[in-house]
Protein backbone atom coordinates (compact mmCIF):
# COMPACT_ATOMS: atom_id res chain seq x y z
CA UNK A 1 0.08 -0.03 0.02
CA UNK A 2 1.50 3.34 -1.06
CA UNK A 3 0.42 6.23 0.68
CA UNK A 4 -0.31 9.74 -1.17
CA UNK A 5 1.25 12.01 1.49
CA UNK A 6 4.07 14.39 0.88
CA UNK A 7 6.49 13.22 -1.73
CA UNK A 8 5.70 10.23 -4.03
CA UNK A 9 8.98 8.66 -5.27
CA UNK A 10 9.26 7.13 -8.72
CA UNK A 11 9.77 3.72 -7.10
CA UNK A 12 6.47 4.14 -5.30
CA UNK A 13 4.75 5.44 -8.34
CA UNK A 14 5.79 2.36 -10.33
CA UNK A 15 4.88 -0.11 -7.68
CA UNK A 16 1.32 1.19 -8.08
CA UNK A 17 1.33 1.48 -11.96
CA UNK A 18 3.15 -1.90 -12.72
CA UNK A 19 2.71 -3.90 -9.42
CA UNK A 20 0.01 -4.71 -6.98
CA UNK A 21 0.44 -1.74 -4.64
CA UNK A 22 -2.76 0.15 -3.90
CA UNK A 23 -3.20 3.83 -3.20
CA UNK A 24 -3.85 4.88 0.25
CA UNK A 25 -4.64 8.71 0.98
CA UNK A 26 -3.44 9.99 4.33
CA UNK A 27 -5.45 12.02 6.61
CA UNK A 28 -2.83 14.71 6.23
CA UNK A 29 -3.70 15.00 2.48
CA UNK A 30 -7.43 15.09 3.14
CA UNK A 31 -6.91 17.96 5.51
CA UNK A 32 -4.68 19.67 3.16
CA UNK A 33 -7.26 19.41 0.27
CA UNK A 34 -10.21 20.39 2.47
CA UNK A 35 -8.24 23.50 3.67
CA UNK A 36 -7.49 24.58 0.02
CA UNK A 37 -11.12 24.04 -1.01
CA UNK A 38 -12.55 25.91 1.93
CA UNK A 39 -10.09 28.77 1.32
CA UNK A 40 -10.72 29.07 -2.32
CA UNK A 41 -14.54 29.13 -1.77
CA UNK A 42 -14.27 31.96 0.70
CA UNK A 43 -11.64 33.89 -1.26
CA UNK A 44 -13.47 33.89 -4.52
CA UNK A 45 -16.65 35.41 -3.21
CA UNK A 46 -15.82 38.86 -4.18
CA UNK A 47 -12.91 38.58 -6.45
CA UNK A 48 -12.14 37.75 -10.08
CA UNK A 49 -10.58 34.34 -10.09
CA UNK A 50 -9.71 32.86 -13.57
CA UNK A 51 -11.95 29.72 -14.11
CA UNK A 52 -14.03 30.20 -11.10
CA UNK A 53 -16.08 33.26 -12.03
CA UNK A 54 -14.62 33.93 -15.50
CA UNK A 55 -14.69 32.14 -18.87
CA UNK A 56 -11.59 30.15 -20.07
CA UNK A 57 -8.77 30.95 -22.28
CA UNK A 58 -9.27 33.85 -24.62
CA UNK A 59 -12.90 34.17 -23.16
CA UNK A 60 -11.51 34.96 -19.69
CA UNK A 61 -12.65 38.54 -20.09
CA UNK A 62 -16.29 37.41 -19.61
CA UNK A 63 -17.59 37.17 -16.06
CA UNK A 64 -19.74 34.36 -15.11
CA UNK A 65 -22.72 34.88 -12.72
CA UNK A 66 -22.52 33.10 -9.43
CA UNK A 67 -25.59 30.92 -10.28
CA UNK A 68 -23.86 29.61 -13.36
CA UNK A 69 -20.43 28.71 -11.84
CA UNK A 70 -21.08 24.99 -11.47
CA UNK A 71 -22.47 24.59 -14.84
CA UNK A 72 -19.34 26.47 -16.17
CA UNK A 73 -17.27 23.63 -14.98
CA UNK A 74 -19.55 21.04 -16.64
CA UNK A 75 -19.58 22.86 -19.83
CA UNK A 76 -15.59 22.96 -19.93
CA UNK A 77 -15.35 19.32 -19.31
CA UNK A 78 -18.01 18.18 -21.92
CA UNK A 79 -16.81 20.68 -24.59
CA UNK A 80 -13.20 19.52 -24.36
CA UNK A 81 -13.81 15.75 -24.33
CA UNK A 82 -12.85 15.86 -28.05
CA UNK A 83 -10.03 13.46 -28.48
CA UNK A 84 -9.35 11.25 -31.46
CA UNK A 85 -7.22 8.36 -32.58
CA UNK A 86 -6.46 5.20 -30.74
CA UNK A 87 -7.30 4.86 -27.06
CA UNK A 88 -4.30 5.25 -24.91
CA UNK A 89 -3.10 1.90 -23.13
CA UNK A 90 -4.63 1.21 -19.86
CA UNK A 91 -1.27 1.30 -18.11
CA UNK A 92 -0.76 4.87 -19.63
CA UNK A 93 -4.11 6.01 -18.28
CA UNK A 94 -3.56 4.52 -14.87
CA UNK A 95 -0.18 6.19 -14.62
CA UNK A 96 -1.76 9.51 -15.69
CA UNK A 97 -4.51 9.19 -13.04
CA UNK A 98 -1.90 8.74 -10.34
CA UNK A 99 0.05 11.62 -11.56
CA UNK A 100 -3.01 13.77 -11.46
CA UNK A 101 -4.01 12.34 -8.12
CA UNK A 102 -0.73 13.24 -6.57
CA UNK A 103 -0.56 16.81 -7.90
CA UNK A 104 -4.13 17.57 -6.60
CA UNK A 105 -3.30 16.15 -3.34
CA UNK A 106 -0.73 18.95 -2.80
CA UNK A 107 -3.62 21.30 -1.75
CA UNK A 108 -2.66 23.89 -4.39
CA UNK A 109 -5.77 23.24 -6.62
CA UNK A 110 -8.89 24.00 -4.57
CA UNK A 111 -10.68 20.85 -5.39
CA UNK A 112 -13.38 19.12 -3.37
CA UNK A 113 -12.32 16.07 -1.65
CA UNK A 114 -14.52 13.72 -3.62
CA UNK A 115 -12.04 13.96 -6.44
CA UNK A 116 -9.41 12.55 -4.39
CA UNK A 117 -11.64 9.70 -3.08
CA UNK A 118 -12.98 8.76 -6.60
CA UNK A 119 -9.67 8.87 -8.23
CA UNK A 120 -8.10 6.72 -5.71
CA UNK A 121 -10.97 4.21 -6.24
CA UNK A 122 -10.46 4.22 -9.98
CA UNK A 123 -6.73 3.26 -9.62
CA UNK A 124 -7.29 0.67 -6.90
CA UNK A 125 -10.20 -0.94 -8.81
CA UNK A 126 -8.52 -0.84 -12.25
CA UNK A 127 -11.29 1.30 -13.72
CA UNK A 128 -9.66 3.03 -16.74
CA UNK A 129 -11.08 6.09 -18.35
CA UNK A 130 -11.32 6.05 -22.19
CA UNK A 131 -8.69 8.69 -23.23
CA UNK A 132 -7.50 9.06 -26.84
CA UNK A 133 -4.01 9.62 -28.09
CA UNK A 134 -4.67 12.82 -30.04
CA UNK A 135 -5.95 16.12 -28.74
CA UNK A 136 -3.51 17.76 -26.48
CA UNK A 137 -1.11 20.49 -27.25
CA UNK A 138 0.53 20.44 -23.80
CA UNK A 139 0.33 23.99 -22.92
CA UNK A 140 -2.74 24.56 -20.83
CA UNK A 141 -1.60 21.02 -19.88
CA UNK A 142 -3.17 18.09 -21.51
CA UNK A 143 -6.60 19.79 -21.69
CA UNK A 144 -8.41 17.47 -24.20
CA UNK A 145 -6.99 14.11 -22.73
CA UNK A 146 -7.69 15.23 -19.17
CA UNK A 147 -11.10 16.36 -20.10
CA UNK A 148 -11.89 12.70 -20.78
CA UNK A 149 -10.74 11.82 -17.35
CA UNK A 150 -12.80 14.46 -15.92
CA UNK A 151 -15.84 13.40 -18.05
CA UNK A 152 -15.65 9.88 -16.39
CA UNK A 153 -15.29 11.48 -12.97
CA UNK A 154 -18.65 13.31 -13.44
CA UNK A 155 -20.22 9.91 -14.44
CA UNK A 156 -20.30 10.32 -18.18
CA UNK A 157 -18.09 8.93 -21.05
CA UNK A 158 -16.61 5.38 -21.19
CA UNK A 159 -14.20 3.35 -19.30
CA UNK A 160 -12.22 0.06 -19.61
CA UNK A 161 -13.50 -2.34 -17.00
CA UNK A 162 -12.57 -5.93 -16.65
CA UNK A 163 -11.34 -5.94 -20.24
CA UNK A 164 -14.34 -4.27 -21.77
CA UNK A 165 -15.17 -0.94 -22.94
CA UNK A 166 -18.26 0.17 -20.99
CA UNK A 167 -20.27 3.22 -20.40
CA UNK A 168 -19.20 4.97 -17.06
CA UNK A 169 -22.80 5.04 -15.56
CA UNK A 170 -23.07 1.27 -16.00
CA UNK A 171 -19.74 0.74 -14.18
CA UNK A 172 -20.67 3.13 -11.43
CA UNK A 173 -23.78 1.24 -10.85
CA UNK A 174 -21.80 -2.15 -10.62
CA UNK A 175 -19.13 -0.84 -8.31
CA UNK A 176 -21.51 1.44 -6.09
CA UNK A 177 -19.57 4.58 -7.05
CA UNK A 178 -20.85 8.17 -7.29
CA UNK A 179 -19.65 11.01 -9.44
CA UNK A 180 -17.43 13.81 -7.84
CA UNK A 181 -19.01 16.86 -6.44
CA UNK A 182 -18.52 19.89 -8.80
CA UNK A 183 -18.52 23.07 -6.65
CA UNK A 184 -15.83 25.57 -7.46
CA UNK A 185 -13.20 24.62 -10.18
CA UNK A 186 -13.16 20.93 -10.26
CA UNK A 187 -13.30 20.80 -14.10
CA UNK A 188 -10.42 23.17 -14.54
CA UNK A 189 -8.21 21.65 -11.87
CA UNK A 190 -8.60 18.16 -13.35
CA UNK A 191 -7.89 19.32 -16.92
CA UNK A 192 -5.28 22.08 -16.32
CA UNK A 193 -2.14 20.17 -15.94
CA UNK A 194 0.72 17.96 -17.40
CA UNK A 195 -0.30 14.57 -15.93
CA UNK A 196 -1.18 12.65 -19.17
CA UNK A 197 2.27 13.49 -20.71
CA UNK A 198 3.89 12.80 -17.33
CA UNK A 199 2.04 9.38 -16.71
CA UNK A 200 3.13 8.22 -20.33
CA UNK A 201 6.48 9.45 -19.77
CA UNK A 202 7.01 7.39 -16.49
CA UNK A 203 6.03 4.25 -18.36
CA UNK A 204 8.34 5.21 -21.18
CA UNK A 205 11.19 5.63 -18.67
CA UNK A 206 10.63 2.23 -17.16
CA UNK A 207 10.55 0.65 -20.64
CA UNK A 208 13.68 2.65 -21.66
CA UNK A 209 15.56 1.26 -18.54
CA UNK A 210 14.58 -2.26 -19.63
CA UNK A 211 15.84 -1.66 -23.18
CA UNK A 212 19.16 -0.26 -21.90
CA UNK A 213 19.77 -3.39 -19.77
CA UNK A 214 18.88 -5.65 -22.63
CA UNK A 215 21.13 -3.85 -25.01
CA UNK A 216 24.08 -3.90 -22.81
CA UNK A 217 23.54 -7.74 -22.21
CA UNK A 218 23.06 -8.56 -25.93
CA UNK A 219 26.08 -6.43 -26.70
CA UNK A 220 28.21 -8.38 -24.02
CA UNK A 221 26.95 -11.65 -25.63
CA UNK A 222 28.02 -10.53 -29.08
CA UNK A 223 31.37 -9.61 -27.76
CA UNK A 224 31.69 -13.10 -26.24
CA UNK A 225 30.53 -14.75 -29.59
CA UNK A 226 33.26 -13.17 -31.59
CA UNK A 227 35.85 -13.60 -28.76
CA UNK A 228 36.86 -9.94 -28.41
CA UNK A 229 39.71 -8.61 -26.39
CA UNK A 230 38.41 -7.26 -23.07
CA UNK A 231 40.36 -4.09 -22.82
CA UNK A 232 37.59 -1.86 -24.40
CA UNK A 233 35.39 -2.81 -21.39
CA UNK A 234 38.17 -2.32 -18.70
CA UNK A 235 37.78 0.13 -15.80
CA UNK A 236 41.16 1.53 -16.76
CA UNK A 237 40.16 2.73 -20.26
CA UNK A 238 36.63 3.79 -19.36
CA UNK A 239 37.93 5.57 -16.26
CA UNK A 240 39.90 8.04 -18.47
CA UNK A 241 36.60 9.45 -19.67
CA UNK A 242 34.59 11.17 -16.90
CA UNK A 243 31.00 10.28 -17.78
CA UNK A 244 29.11 8.26 -15.16
CA UNK A 245 26.98 6.56 -17.85
CA UNK A 246 29.86 5.22 -19.83
CA UNK A 247 31.66 3.83 -16.71
CA UNK A 248 28.47 2.17 -15.48
CA UNK A 249 27.76 0.45 -18.70
CA UNK A 250 31.33 -0.77 -18.94
CA UNK A 251 31.03 -2.08 -15.41
CA UNK A 252 27.79 -3.91 -15.97
CA UNK A 253 29.06 -5.43 -19.09
CA UNK A 254 32.29 -6.64 -17.21
CA UNK A 255 30.08 -8.20 -14.68
CA UNK A 256 27.85 -9.96 -17.48
CA UNK A 257 30.80 -11.61 -19.21
CA UNK A 258 32.29 -13.01 -15.80
CA UNK A 259 32.75 -16.66 -16.31
CA UNK A 260 32.99 -16.55 -20.10
CA UNK A 261 35.50 -18.92 -21.71
CA UNK A 262 35.47 -16.87 -24.84
CA UNK A 263 36.66 -13.34 -23.94
CA UNK A 264 40.42 -12.85 -24.44
CA UNK A 265 43.12 -10.68 -22.94
CA UNK A 266 45.08 -8.62 -25.33
CA UNK A 267 48.24 -9.22 -23.37
CA UNK A 268 48.02 -12.98 -24.00
CA UNK A 269 47.89 -12.64 -27.66
CA UNK A 270 49.15 -9.26 -29.11
CA UNK A 271 51.56 -8.02 -26.50
CA UNK A 272 53.78 -11.14 -26.42
CA UNK A 273 56.29 -9.87 -28.89
CA UNK A 274 55.84 -13.08 -30.94
CA UNK A 275 53.48 -11.69 -33.44
CA UNK A 276 55.49 -11.24 -36.67
CA UNK A 277 52.83 -11.54 -39.38
CA UNK A 278 52.68 -8.66 -41.97
CA UNK A 279 48.93 -9.02 -42.25
CA UNK A 280 47.14 -10.15 -39.05
CA UNK A 281 44.65 -13.05 -39.48
CA UNK A 282 42.52 -11.91 -36.49
CA UNK A 283 41.17 -8.37 -36.01
CA UNK A 284 43.41 -6.13 -33.84
CA UNK A 285 39.97 -4.29 -32.66
CA UNK A 286 36.51 -4.80 -33.49
CA UNK A 287 34.00 -2.71 -35.41
CA UNK A 288 32.50 0.21 -33.35
CA UNK A 289 29.12 -1.51 -32.67
CA UNK A 290 30.95 -4.06 -30.56
CA UNK A 291 33.93 -1.92 -29.32
CA UNK A 292 32.19 1.40 -28.51
CA UNK A 293 29.12 0.10 -26.52
CA UNK A 294 29.98 1.87 -23.23
CA UNK A 295 30.53 5.20 -25.28
CA UNK A 296 27.11 4.82 -27.10
CA UNK A 297 24.87 3.40 -24.26
CA UNK A 298 26.42 5.76 -21.72
CA UNK A 299 24.69 8.85 -23.00
CA UNK A 300 21.52 6.72 -23.09
CA UNK A 301 21.83 5.92 -19.44
CA UNK A 302 22.80 9.36 -18.41
CA UNK A 303 19.75 10.87 -20.43
CA UNK A 304 17.44 8.15 -18.65
CA UNK A 305 18.74 9.26 -15.18
CA UNK A 306 18.09 13.02 -15.88
CA UNK A 307 14.64 12.23 -17.36
CA UNK A 308 13.85 10.41 -14.12
CA UNK A 309 14.70 13.53 -12.05
CA UNK A 310 12.46 15.63 -14.22
CA UNK A 311 9.58 13.31 -14.08
CA UNK A 312 9.93 12.92 -10.36
CA UNK A 313 9.80 16.77 -9.86
CA UNK A 314 6.83 17.01 -12.15
CA UNK A 315 4.52 14.43 -10.37
CA UNK A 316 5.21 16.17 -7.09
CA UNK A 317 4.58 19.65 -8.46
CA UNK A 318 1.43 21.82 -8.70
CA UNK A 319 0.98 22.16 -12.48
CA UNK A 320 -2.53 23.63 -12.94
CA UNK A 321 -3.74 27.28 -13.04
CA UNK A 322 -4.45 29.32 -10.87
CA UNK A 323 -2.33 28.05 -7.99
CA UNK A 324 -4.04 28.22 -4.36
CA UNK A 325 -1.78 29.28 -1.69
CA UNK A 326 -3.58 28.64 1.63
CA UNK A 327 -0.49 29.55 3.84
CA UNK A 328 -0.30 33.11 2.22
CA UNK A 329 -3.90 33.41 1.72
CA UNK A 330 -3.47 34.20 -1.94
CA UNK A 331 -4.32 32.89 -5.38
CA UNK A 332 -1.60 33.23 -8.05
CA UNK A 333 -2.20 33.11 -11.91
CA UNK A 334 0.57 31.88 -14.11
CA UNK A 335 1.52 28.99 -16.40
CA UNK A 336 2.47 25.84 -14.32
CA UNK A 337 0.44 23.84 -16.71
CA UNK A 338 3.04 24.35 -19.48
CA UNK A 339 4.57 21.02 -20.49
CA UNK A 340 8.02 22.05 -21.80
CA UNK A 341 9.97 20.24 -19.15
CA UNK A 342 8.26 16.93 -20.03
CA UNK A 343 8.25 17.57 -23.81
CA UNK A 344 11.99 18.10 -23.86
CA UNK A 345 12.76 14.94 -21.84
CA UNK A 346 10.46 12.83 -24.09
CA UNK A 347 12.34 14.21 -27.12
CA UNK A 348 15.66 13.47 -25.47
CA UNK A 349 14.43 10.00 -24.43
CA UNK A 350 13.06 9.15 -27.76
CA UNK A 351 16.32 10.17 -29.49
CA UNK A 352 18.56 7.99 -27.22
CA UNK A 353 16.18 5.10 -27.64
CA UNK A 354 16.37 5.33 -31.38
CA UNK A 355 20.19 5.47 -31.08
CA UNK A 356 19.86 2.21 -28.93
CA UNK A 357 17.92 0.55 -31.78
CA UNK A 358 20.40 1.70 -34.27
CA UNK A 359 23.09 -0.01 -32.24
CA UNK A 360 21.14 -3.09 -32.18
CA UNK A 361 20.37 -3.15 -35.85
CA UNK A 362 24.11 -2.68 -36.59
CA UNK A 363 24.98 -5.61 -34.30
CA UNK A 364 22.36 -7.62 -36.04
CA UNK A 365 23.95 -6.75 -39.25
CA UNK A 366 27.29 -7.92 -38.01
CA UNK A 367 25.98 -11.33 -37.17
CA UNK A 368 24.02 -11.58 -40.50
CA UNK A 369 27.04 -10.52 -42.76
CA UNK A 370 29.52 -13.45 -43.08
CA UNK A 371 31.89 -11.15 -45.04
CA UNK A 372 32.13 -8.89 -41.96
CA UNK A 373 32.11 -11.17 -39.01
CA UNK A 374 34.20 -13.92 -40.90
CA UNK A 375 32.86 -16.40 -38.38
CA UNK A 376 29.26 -17.32 -39.09
CA UNK A 377 27.28 -18.67 -41.93
CA UNK A 378 25.19 -15.91 -43.72
CA UNK A 379 22.00 -14.80 -41.86
CA UNK A 380 23.02 -17.23 -39.07
CA UNK A 381 21.64 -19.85 -41.38
CA UNK A 382 21.84 -23.37 -39.78
CA UNK A 383 20.37 -25.02 -42.80
CA UNK A 384 21.55 -25.49 -46.40
CA UNK A 385 23.07 -22.26 -47.94
CA UNK A 386 21.13 -21.16 -50.98
CA UNK A 387 18.19 -23.42 -50.17
CA UNK A 388 17.34 -22.15 -46.67
CA UNK A 389 17.37 -18.52 -45.47
CA UNK A 390 17.85 -18.36 -41.81
CA UNK A 391 17.14 -14.99 -40.26
CA UNK A 392 17.40 -13.21 -43.70
CA UNK A 393 13.69 -12.24 -43.59
CA UNK A 394 13.42 -10.80 -40.17
CA UNK A 395 16.63 -8.68 -40.79
CA UNK A 396 14.35 -6.60 -43.22
CA UNK A 397 11.77 -6.16 -40.48
CA UNK A 398 14.58 -4.78 -38.00
CA UNK A 399 16.04 -2.41 -40.65
CA UNK A 400 12.49 -1.17 -41.49
CA UNK A 401 11.58 -0.55 -37.92
CA UNK A 402 14.74 1.25 -37.07
CA UNK A 403 14.32 3.48 -40.09
CA UNK A 404 10.78 4.37 -38.62
CA UNK A 405 12.44 5.23 -35.35
CA UNK A 406 14.86 7.46 -36.94
CA UNK A 407 12.05 9.49 -38.67
CA UNK A 408 10.02 9.57 -35.45
CA UNK A 409 12.91 11.22 -33.64
CA UNK A 410 12.26 14.61 -34.88
CA UNK A 411 11.58 17.12 -32.06
CA UNK A 412 8.07 17.88 -30.90
CA UNK A 413 9.55 20.32 -28.27
CA UNK A 414 10.31 22.85 -31.01
CA UNK A 415 7.20 22.13 -33.06
CA UNK A 416 4.81 24.76 -31.66
CA UNK A 417 1.62 25.60 -33.45
CA UNK A 418 -0.33 28.83 -31.97
CA UNK A 419 -3.89 28.07 -31.24
CA UNK A 420 -6.88 28.96 -28.99
CA UNK A 421 -7.25 32.41 -30.67
CA UNK A 422 -3.55 32.78 -30.21
CA UNK A 423 -4.00 32.74 -26.49
CA UNK A 424 -1.89 29.63 -26.54
CA UNK A 425 0.51 31.18 -28.90
CA UNK A 426 3.56 28.91 -27.85
CA UNK A 427 2.85 25.33 -26.70
CA UNK A 428 4.91 22.33 -25.74
CA UNK A 429 3.29 19.38 -27.63
CA UNK A 430 4.39 17.40 -24.61
CA UNK A 431 1.77 14.71 -24.93
CA UNK A 432 2.46 14.19 -28.71
CA UNK A 433 6.14 13.86 -27.67
CA UNK A 434 5.36 11.22 -25.07
CA UNK A 435 3.09 9.11 -27.40
CA UNK A 436 5.71 9.13 -30.10
CA UNK A 437 8.31 8.10 -27.63
CA UNK A 438 6.20 5.20 -26.55
CA UNK A 439 6.06 4.09 -30.28
CA UNK A 440 9.80 4.33 -30.65
CA UNK A 441 10.16 2.24 -27.46
CA UNK A 442 7.84 -0.44 -28.70
CA UNK A 443 9.52 -0.45 -32.10
CA UNK A 444 12.94 -0.91 -30.34
CA UNK A 445 11.67 -4.00 -28.43
CA UNK A 446 10.96 -5.54 -31.77
CA UNK A 447 14.45 -4.66 -33.12
CA UNK A 448 16.02 -6.33 -29.86
CA UNK A 449 13.75 -9.35 -30.31
CA UNK A 450 15.30 -10.12 -33.69
CA UNK A 451 18.77 -9.35 -32.44
CA UNK A 452 18.19 -12.04 -29.67
CA UNK A 453 17.15 -14.44 -32.31
CA UNK A 454 20.43 -13.85 -34.06
CA UNK A 455 22.57 -14.23 -30.96
CA UNK A 456 21.17 -17.60 -30.01
CA UNK A 457 21.54 -18.79 -33.58
CA UNK A 458 25.07 -17.44 -33.71
CA UNK A 459 25.88 -19.41 -30.38
CA UNK A 460 24.60 -22.72 -31.87
CA UNK A 461 26.35 -22.12 -35.23
CA UNK A 462 29.69 -21.95 -33.24
CA UNK A 463 28.94 -24.48 -30.63
CA UNK A 464 29.52 -22.10 -27.84
CA UNK A 465 26.52 -22.83 -25.56
CA UNK A 466 28.65 -24.26 -22.79
CA UNK A 467 31.47 -21.62 -23.19
CA UNK A 468 29.47 -18.39 -22.81
CA UNK A 469 29.19 -16.62 -19.57
CA UNK A 470 26.31 -17.48 -17.04
CA UNK A 471 24.45 -14.24 -17.98
CA UNK A 472 24.53 -15.06 -21.87
CA UNK A 473 23.66 -18.60 -21.10
CA UNK A 474 20.54 -17.45 -19.34
CA UNK A 475 19.58 -15.27 -22.27
CA UNK A 476 20.16 -18.26 -24.60
CA UNK A 477 18.06 -20.72 -22.44
CA UNK A 478 15.17 -18.30 -22.09
CA UNK A 479 15.03 -17.28 -25.89
CA UNK A 480 15.62 -20.99 -27.02
CA UNK A 481 12.53 -21.82 -24.91
CA UNK A 482 10.65 -19.68 -27.24
CA UNK A 483 12.53 -20.19 -30.48
CA UNK A 484 13.98 -23.71 -30.74
CA UNK A 485 17.07 -24.44 -32.82
CA UNK A 486 16.07 -24.47 -36.46
CA UNK A 487 17.58 -25.16 -39.78
CA UNK A 488 14.43 -25.50 -41.87
CA UNK A 489 12.55 -22.39 -42.97
CA UNK A 490 9.46 -21.35 -40.95
CA UNK A 491 7.16 -18.37 -40.56
CA UNK A 492 9.13 -16.18 -38.14
CA UNK A 493 6.42 -13.63 -37.09
CA UNK A 494 4.95 -15.58 -34.16
CA UNK A 495 8.46 -16.00 -32.64
CA UNK A 496 9.35 -12.29 -33.02
CA UNK A 497 6.27 -11.31 -31.18
CA UNK A 498 6.65 -14.02 -28.52
CA UNK A 499 10.29 -12.96 -27.87
CA UNK A 500 9.27 -9.23 -27.81
CA UNK A 501 6.63 -10.02 -25.12
CA UNK A 502 9.18 -11.95 -23.11
CA UNK A 503 11.67 -8.95 -23.27
CA UNK A 504 8.99 -6.51 -22.24
CA UNK A 505 8.14 -8.34 -19.11
């Protein structure tokens, strides 16, 4: 049970989104939320407060009569529930709800406590609002996507419930739930924030960590298969470059290859003074995709760690407008809803994951191309050359998917389009950035699934199953449990999908 109280760590956040932990709201939070609500209700009686007694956006110049205040919130929610495209995955929406719940629990939003209670129940009971990919520009926050969340909280719209898409009203009846109380600014407070881009971003972050771990393990395995010299992984070499990511990747690769009978020491072969050949039969050093892995994955790891800091800050920040300050008895108008921090991090994350997929594709090409590796049959083909094709077909898929990643890596952060009668004259496109990053991440799991197939075929082609490190043997055994040794051609797509699913667990 993870308690929403003061600061929610990413580890606690992920235990709720991916694990079995439930949300518990502390008494302190409820007191804070009630104090914020009570203060705003009193404070707004004889003052002009945006979104309480005014219109929204460019229509903020229009005063709303007191008798219409509540209806104003319903109007905002219904009018902006206008998303299109594919529904966001349930894990993305659950993550977005948790992000929104945490920021509303800070007591800077002036919402009724019924919002906190109902969102907690949605998360704990796995009731997932229908939210679409398209609609948000990320500068009054995720207005359109969060409007779909708010629509469900007022008892309208649709949800995913026990694997089915159902009307919210029906699910409320089944679960004994009631809509939130809309009293002051519940609509605006729910919609005006960065929680969808942030929620998707945290899922992306977790998956990017998995990809980095897989890539370094696969890279280490290929280094074993081709019997590299180990000095490019050494602490001494990598310690001369002062980047933590590079040093960490090299360290983890050294740990992975411990126990390998294949990795060689340069001093035992090239530093003996006994090599008098004019042309060396064996490579003095390997291609960059094998030798430069710490330098390539190091920036990936450093970027992931920086993204984690930004996302951790965002879920624990007040990111709507206006901000209610109970302590100083004041309401401040500004732009905390702007999603530039998340948009930039998603662009950076997408860029480095694309580079990771490029590394995997080049390593795959190394294993496929007998003229380059000078060790393996073409396409790691264990059948009859010319008659059978090995992994020739799936290499096309990896190349195509990597190319799509390269195209998708263009920045959304700098792709602002003014809208909303130019009230929103510069926007973040943060949710678009997060959704595109999710696509690149999924693509990369596909590329690495194909690389894993090539690695195990290469191990068998060379008869190295009992000579690789325990870490590589574990990969070999688990992938071979899905893809048995094969020499005759067969349809590959079910195996690619099954290995991708295994890697994503």
